[in-house]
Amino acid sequence: QVQLVESGGGSAHPGGSLNLSCAASPSAFSLNYMGWARQAPGKDRELVAQIHRGGHIRYADSVEGRFTISKDSAKNTVDLQMNNLRPEDTARYYCDVWGPGQYWGSGVLVTVSA
């Protein structure tokens, strides 16, 4: 059974940083992709960062150069370091794993405001 628990959400000022962490069950690491998605109020959920089991990483254009995804199989964690935050990064962030099947955590709220 895949279980995902996010932590690290909160508030930040524009230009600030936050680190999100996802504690994943070992079974999650057998899937092909792990990543982080977000959903802002009134908008569709979007994938912002993904890492393939082989190590290939992709980012959404909106976060490229500001966010960094990493995983630690020994600790069973997938982290998202978010730097130079902008108000438009305000959203609920979800740990996301897939291939085959797809699973999400319950999410954490990130608020960026002056």
Protein backbone atom coordinates (compact mmCIF):
# COMPACT_ATOMS: atom_id res chain seq x y z
CA GLN A 1 0.00 0.00 0.00
CA VAL A 2 1.36 3.42 -0.97
CA GLN A 3 1.24 6.04 1.77
CA LEU A 4 2.39 9.62 1.42
CA VAL A 5 2.54 12.25 4.17
CA GLU A 6 3.61 15.79 3.40
CA SER A 7 5.12 18.29 5.83
CA GLY A 8 6.79 21.68 5.73
CA GLY A 9 4.05 23.92 4.40
CA GLY A 10 3.46 27.36 5.80
CA SER A 11 3.78 31.04 5.00
CA ALA A 12 6.59 32.95 3.35
CA HIS A 13 7.24 36.41 1.98
CA PRO A 14 7.97 36.92 -1.70
CA GLY A 15 11.57 36.00 -2.30
CA GLY A 16 11.59 33.64 0.64
CA SER A 17 12.10 29.89 0.81
CA LEU A 18 10.30 26.83 2.09
CA ASN A 19 11.17 23.15 2.03
CA LEU A 20 8.46 20.55 1.64
CA SER A 21 9.08 16.95 2.57
CA CYS A 22 7.10 13.83 1.70
CA ALA A 23 7.46 10.74 3.86
CA ALA A 24 6.66 7.87 1.52
CA SER A 25 6.09 4.21 2.19
CA PRO A 26 8.83 2.00 0.70
CA SER A 27 6.37 0.71 -1.91
CA ALA A 28 6.19 4.23 -3.38
CA PHE A 29 9.78 3.96 -4.51
CA SER A 30 8.92 1.00 -6.74
CA LEU A 31 6.78 3.25 -8.94
CA ASN A 32 8.28 4.99 -11.94
CA TYR A 33 7.73 8.61 -10.97
CA MET A 34 7.65 10.69 -7.82
CA GLY A 35 6.82 14.34 -7.78
CA TRP A 36 5.04 17.35 -6.41
CA ALA A 37 1.85 18.86 -7.73
CA ARG A 38 -0.04 21.94 -6.60
CA GLN A 39 -3.53 23.30 -6.80
CA ALA A 40 -4.39 26.93 -6.31
CA PRO A 41 -7.95 28.02 -5.50
CA GLY A 42 -10.11 27.89 -8.61
CA LYS A 43 -7.40 26.29 -10.72
CA ASP A 44 -6.59 22.81 -11.93
CA ARG A 45 -3.94 20.73 -10.23
CA GLU A 46 -0.59 21.07 -11.98
CA LEU A 47 2.55 19.00 -11.72
CA VAL A 48 5.49 21.25 -10.79
CA ALA A 49 8.33 18.77 -10.42
CA GLN A 50 8.94 15.12 -11.11
CA ILE A 51 11.79 12.67 -10.74
CA HIS A 52 11.96 9.39 -12.55
CA ARG A 53 13.14 6.24 -10.81
CA GLY A 54 16.24 6.45 -13.01
CA GLY A 55 16.96 9.98 -11.80
CA HIS A 56 15.72 12.15 -14.68
CA ILE A 57 14.12 15.36 -13.40
CA ARG A 58 11.65 17.73 -14.99
CA TYR A 59 10.11 20.98 -13.81
CA ALA A 60 7.19 23.09 -14.89
CA ASP A 61 8.31 26.26 -16.64
CA SER A 62 6.78 28.33 -13.85
CA VAL A 63 9.18 26.93 -11.23
CA GLU A 64 12.27 26.10 -13.31
CA GLY A 65 15.37 27.55 -11.64
CA ARG A 66 13.57 28.21 -8.34
CA PHE A 67 12.42 24.79 -7.15
CA THR A 68 14.54 21.69 -6.64
CA ILE A 69 13.20 18.18 -6.20
CA SER A 70 15.21 15.43 -4.56
CA LYS A 71 14.61 11.98 -3.17
CA ASP A 72 16.35 9.88 -0.56
CA SER A 73 15.53 6.19 -0.88
CA ALA A 74 17.32 5.41 2.38
CA LYS A 75 15.11 7.85 4.30
CA ASN A 76 12.01 7.23 2.14
CA THR A 77 11.55 10.93 1.49
CA VAL A 78 10.96 13.17 -1.50
CA ASP A 79 11.68 16.84 -0.89
CA LEU A 80 10.86 20.04 -2.72
CA GLN A 81 13.10 23.00 -1.97
CA MET A 82 11.32 26.18 -3.02
CA ASN A 83 13.36 29.37 -3.36
CA ASN A 84 12.53 32.86 -4.54
CA LEU A 85 8.88 32.25 -3.83
CA ARG A 86 6.23 34.34 -5.55
CA PRO A 87 2.63 35.09 -4.59
CA GLU A 88 1.50 32.93 -7.52
CA ASP A 89 3.15 29.93 -5.84
CA THR A 90 0.38 30.05 -3.24
CA ALA A 91 -1.38 26.70 -3.43
CA ARG A 92 -1.91 23.38 -1.75
CA TYR A 93 1.03 21.14 -2.57
CA TYR A 94 0.68 17.39 -2.95
CA CYS A 95 3.22 14.60 -3.01
CA ASP A 96 2.43 12.57 -6.13
CA VAL A 97 3.66 9.14 -7.21
CA TRP A 98 2.61 7.17 -10.25
CA GLY A 99 3.43 4.49 -12.78
CA PRO A 100 1.56 2.16 -12.56
CA GLY A 101 -1.40 3.64 -10.68
CA GLN A 102 -1.37 7.09 -9.13
CA TYR A 103 -1.35 8.19 -5.51
CA TRP A 104 -1.43 11.55 -3.72
CA GLY A 105 -0.95 12.66 -0.16
CA SER A 106 -3.44 14.95 1.57
CA GLY A 107 -1.31 18.00 0.81
CA VAL A 108 0.11 20.99 2.66
CA LEU A 109 -0.77 24.63 2.25
CA VAL A 110 1.82 27.14 1.06
CA THR A 111 0.99 30.83 1.25
CA VAL A 112 3.25 33.51 -0.20
CA SER A 113 2.34 37.08 0.60
CA ALA A 114 3.97 40.38 1.54
